[in-house]
Amino acid sequence: QVQLVESGGGLVQAGGSLRLSCAASGSIRSINAVGWYRQAPGKQRELVASITTGGRTNYADSVKGRFTISRDNAKNTVALQMNSLKPEDTGVYYCYSLQLTISWGQGTQVTVSS
C-alpha cells in the first residue's frame, strides 16, 4: 500500500478556486483507481471524483463541469482542480487509492464561505 498525503485545502469565497494535490509514497502507475472523497459535517463520506489507469474519469453529479481530476504517474500525484466553488463543497477532502485494498490520506479541509 502507498501512503497518501493531501495538500492545497483552505478557505475560499464562493465562486473561487482551489487545487488539491495528493502525493503518493510509491508508484501509482499500476493502481487502477485513484481519486477523492469528501465528508461534510454530519454527513457520510461521498465520492467526488476518480480516475483510472486508462484515464477514465468519474464525477459526482454535484461537481460535474466544475471539478477536474488528473493523475501524473511519473510524479505519483493526483490533483483535483476545483472551480466555481460553492458553500456546499465545504468538507474534508480525502485522497484514496484502490488496488486490492483501499488506502486513504489524512484529509485536507476545504471551506467555502458564502
C-alpha atoms as a PDB file:
ATOM      1  CA  GLN A   1       0.000   0.000   0.000  1.00  0.00           C
ATOM      2  CA  VAL A   2       1.111   3.531  -0.732  1.00  0.00           C
ATOM      3  CA  GLN A   3       0.936   6.336   1.784  1.00  0.00           C
ATOM      4  CA  LEU A   4      -1.030   9.349   0.604  1.00  0.00           C
ATOM      5  CA  VAL A   5      -0.587  12.971   1.676  1.00  0.00           C
ATOM      6  CA  GLU A   6      -3.013  15.694   0.620  1.00  0.00           C
ATOM      7  CA  SER A   7      -2.315  19.404   0.346  1.00  0.00           C
ATOM      8  CA  GLY A   8      -3.939  22.508  -1.046  1.00  0.00           C
ATOM      9  CA  GLY A   9      -7.016  22.904   1.120  1.00  0.00           C
ATOM     10  CA  GLY A  10      -8.038  26.196   2.653  1.00  0.00           C
ATOM     11  CA  LEU A  11     -10.649  28.900   2.943  1.00  0.00           C
ATOM     12  CA  VAL A  12     -12.078  30.438  -0.212  1.00  0.00           C
ATOM     13  CA  GLN A  13     -15.077  32.559  -1.100  1.00  0.00           C
ATOM     14  CA  ALA A  14     -17.922  31.175  -3.157  1.00  0.00           C
ATOM     15  CA  GLY A  15     -17.063  31.300  -6.827  1.00  0.00           C
ATOM     16  CA  GLY A  16     -13.366  30.866  -6.154  1.00  0.00           C
ATOM     17  CA  SER A  17     -10.976  28.057  -6.987  1.00  0.00           C
ATOM     18  CA  LEU A  18      -8.677  25.663  -5.172  1.00  0.00           C
ATOM     19  CA  ARG A  19      -6.336  22.960  -6.376  1.00  0.00           C
ATOM     20  CA  LEU A  20      -5.845  19.902  -4.197  1.00  0.00           C
ATOM     21  CA  SER A  21      -2.847  17.665  -4.618  1.00  0.00           C
ATOM     22  CA  CYS A  22      -2.201  14.155  -3.356  1.00  0.00           C
ATOM     23  CA  ALA A  23       1.334  12.801  -3.207  1.00  0.00           C
ATOM     24  CA  ALA A  24       1.876   9.057  -3.023  1.00  0.00           C
ATOM     25  CA  SER A  25       4.858   7.434  -1.323  1.00  0.00           C
ATOM     26  CA  GLY A  26       5.276   4.966  -4.155  1.00  0.00           C
ATOM     27  CA  SER A  27       4.333   4.360  -7.728  1.00  0.00           C
ATOM     28  CA  ILE A  28       0.687   4.794  -8.669  1.00  0.00           C
ATOM     29  CA  ARG A  29       1.242   3.668 -12.250  1.00  0.00           C
ATOM     30  CA  SER A  30      -0.336   0.274 -11.699  1.00  0.00           C
ATOM     31  CA  ILE A  31      -3.034   1.395  -9.269  1.00  0.00           C
ATOM     32  CA  ASN A  32      -6.304   1.012 -11.067  1.00  0.00           C
ATOM     33  CA  ALA A  33      -8.250   3.789  -9.420  1.00  0.00           C
ATOM     34  CA  VAL A  34      -7.258   6.899  -7.522  1.00  0.00           C
ATOM     35  CA  GLY A  35      -9.401   9.828  -6.585  1.00  0.00           C
ATOM     36  CA  TRP A  36     -11.070  11.984  -3.989  1.00  0.00           C
ATOM     37  CA  TYR A  37     -13.837  11.614  -1.452  1.00  0.00           C
ATOM     38  CA  ARG A  38     -15.183  14.326   0.800  1.00  0.00           C
ATOM     39  CA  GLN A  39     -17.035  14.423   4.075  1.00  0.00           C
ATOM     40  CA  ALA A  40     -19.147  17.342   5.188  1.00  0.00           C
ATOM     41  CA  PRO A  41     -20.036  17.831   8.858  1.00  0.00           C
ATOM     42  CA  GLY A  42     -22.769  15.417   9.875  1.00  0.00           C
ATOM     43  CA  LYS A  43     -22.763  13.644   6.509  1.00  0.00           C
ATOM     44  CA  GLN A  44     -21.355  10.448   5.116  1.00  0.00           C
ATOM     45  CA  ARG A  45     -18.201  10.391   3.062  1.00  0.00           C
ATOM     46  CA  GLU A  46     -19.039  10.676  -0.634  1.00  0.00           C
ATOM     47  CA  LEU A  47     -17.107  10.117  -3.832  1.00  0.00           C
ATOM     48  CA  VAL A  48     -16.152  13.352  -5.565  1.00  0.00           C
ATOM     49  CA  ALA A  49     -14.058  12.136  -8.483  1.00  0.00           C
ATOM     50  CA  SER A  50     -11.960   9.198  -9.596  1.00  0.00           C
ATOM     51  CA  ILE A  51      -9.612   8.369 -12.446  1.00  0.00           C
ATOM     52  CA  THR A  52      -8.384   5.018 -13.715  1.00  0.00           C
ATOM     53  CA  THR A  53      -5.040   3.996 -15.163  1.00  0.00           C
ATOM     54  CA  GLY A  54      -6.599   4.389 -18.587  1.00  0.00           C
ATOM     55  CA  GLY A  55      -7.638   7.941 -17.822  1.00  0.00           C
ATOM     56  CA  ARG A  56     -11.333   7.252 -17.477  1.00  0.00           C
ATOM     57  CA  THR A  57     -12.878   9.742 -15.076  1.00  0.00           C
ATOM     58  CA  ASN A  58     -15.977   9.681 -12.938  1.00  0.00           C
ATOM     59  CA  TYR A  59     -17.517  12.631 -11.120  1.00  0.00           C
ATOM     60  CA  ALA A  60     -20.284  13.181  -8.631  1.00  0.00           C
ATOM     61  CA  ASP A  61     -23.193  14.923 -10.324  1.00  0.00           C
ATOM     62  CA  SER A  62     -22.819  17.843  -7.953  1.00  0.00           C
ATOM     63  CA  VAL A  63     -19.313  18.687  -9.212  1.00  0.00           C
ATOM     64  CA  LYS A  64     -19.551  17.881 -12.925  1.00  0.00           C
ATOM     65  CA  GLY A  65     -18.404  20.801 -15.031  1.00  0.00           C
ATOM     66  CA  ARG A  66     -16.683  22.456 -12.072  1.00  0.00           C
ATOM     67  CA  PHE A  67     -14.065  19.966 -10.874  1.00  0.00           C
ATOM     68  CA  THR A  68     -11.358  18.251 -12.893  1.00  0.00           C
ATOM     69  CA  ILE A  69      -9.305  15.288 -11.706  1.00  0.00           C
ATOM     70  CA  SER A  70      -5.933  14.358 -13.126  1.00  0.00           C
ATOM     71  CA  ARG A  71      -3.125  11.951 -12.342  1.00  0.00           C
ATOM     72  CA  ASP A  72       0.591  12.138 -13.075  1.00  0.00           C
ATOM     73  CA  ASN A  73       2.009   8.626 -12.948  1.00  0.00           C
ATOM     74  CA  ALA A  74       5.555   9.917 -13.403  1.00  0.00           C
ATOM     75  CA  LYS A  75       5.294  12.143 -10.325  1.00  0.00           C
ATOM     76  CA  ASN A  76       2.968   9.829  -8.373  1.00  0.00           C
ATOM     77  CA  THR A  77       0.454  12.579  -7.799  1.00  0.00           C
ATOM     78  CA  VAL A  78      -3.267  13.059  -8.145  1.00  0.00           C
ATOM     79  CA  ALA A  79      -4.774  16.516  -8.454  1.00  0.00           C
ATOM     80  CA  LEU A  80      -8.268  17.930  -8.131  1.00  0.00           C
ATOM     81  CA  GLN A  81      -8.877  21.329  -9.702  1.00  0.00           C
ATOM     82  CA  MET A  82     -11.976  22.862  -8.138  1.00  0.00           C
ATOM     83  CA  ASN A  83     -13.582  25.877  -9.794  1.00  0.00           C
ATOM     84  CA  SER A  84     -16.775  27.809  -9.128  1.00  0.00           C
ATOM     85  CA  LEU A  85     -16.775  26.582  -5.556  1.00  0.00           C
ATOM     86  CA  LYS A  86     -19.986  26.614  -3.565  1.00  0.00           C
ATOM     87  CA  PRO A  87     -20.588  26.603   0.201  1.00  0.00           C
ATOM     88  CA  GLU A  88     -21.912  23.051  -0.136  1.00  0.00           C
ATOM     89  CA  ASP A  89     -18.453  21.959  -1.311  1.00  0.00           C
ATOM     90  CA  THR A  90     -17.205  22.540   2.231  1.00  0.00           C
ATOM     91  CA  GLY A  91     -15.762  19.466   3.904  1.00  0.00           C
ATOM     92  CA  VAL A  92     -12.698  17.361   4.479  1.00  0.00           C
ATOM     93  CA  TYR A  93     -11.319  16.024   1.223  1.00  0.00           C
ATOM     94  CA  TYR A  94      -9.607  12.653   1.259  1.00  0.00           C
ATOM     95  CA  CYS A  95      -7.370  11.203  -1.405  1.00  0.00           C
ATOM     96  CA  TYR A  96      -7.662   7.467  -1.948  1.00  0.00           C
ATOM     97  CA  SER A  97      -6.116   4.716  -3.993  1.00  0.00           C
ATOM     98  CA  LEU A  98      -7.760   1.383  -4.772  1.00  0.00           C
ATOM     99  CA  GLN A  99      -5.951  -1.723  -5.882  1.00  0.00           C
ATOM    100  CA  LEU A 100      -6.701  -4.836  -3.868  1.00  0.00           C
ATOM    101  CA  THR A 101      -7.336  -2.681  -0.819  1.00  0.00           C
ATOM    102  CA  ILE A 102      -8.118   0.960  -0.332  1.00  0.00           C
ATOM    103  CA  SER A 103      -5.664   3.455   1.103  1.00  0.00           C
ATOM    104  CA  TRP A 104      -6.613   6.865   2.468  1.00  0.00           C
ATOM    105  CA  GLY A 105      -4.811  10.102   3.060  1.00  0.00           C
ATOM    106  CA  GLN A 106      -5.280  12.064   6.265  1.00  0.00           C
ATOM    107  CA  GLY A 107      -7.574  14.611   4.633  1.00  0.00           C
ATOM    108  CA  THR A 108      -7.426  18.327   3.929  1.00  0.00           C
ATOM    109  CA  GLN A 109     -10.053  20.864   4.946  1.00  0.00           C
ATOM    110  CA  VAL A 110     -11.856  22.891   2.296  1.00  0.00           C
ATOM    111  CA  THR A 111     -14.092  25.694   3.500  1.00  0.00           C
ATOM    112  CA  VAL A 112     -16.154  27.772   1.079  1.00  0.00           C
ATOM    113  CA  SER A 113     -17.717  30.907   2.522  1.00  0.00           C
ATOM    114  CA  SER A 114     -20.856  32.476   1.105  1.00  0.00           C
END
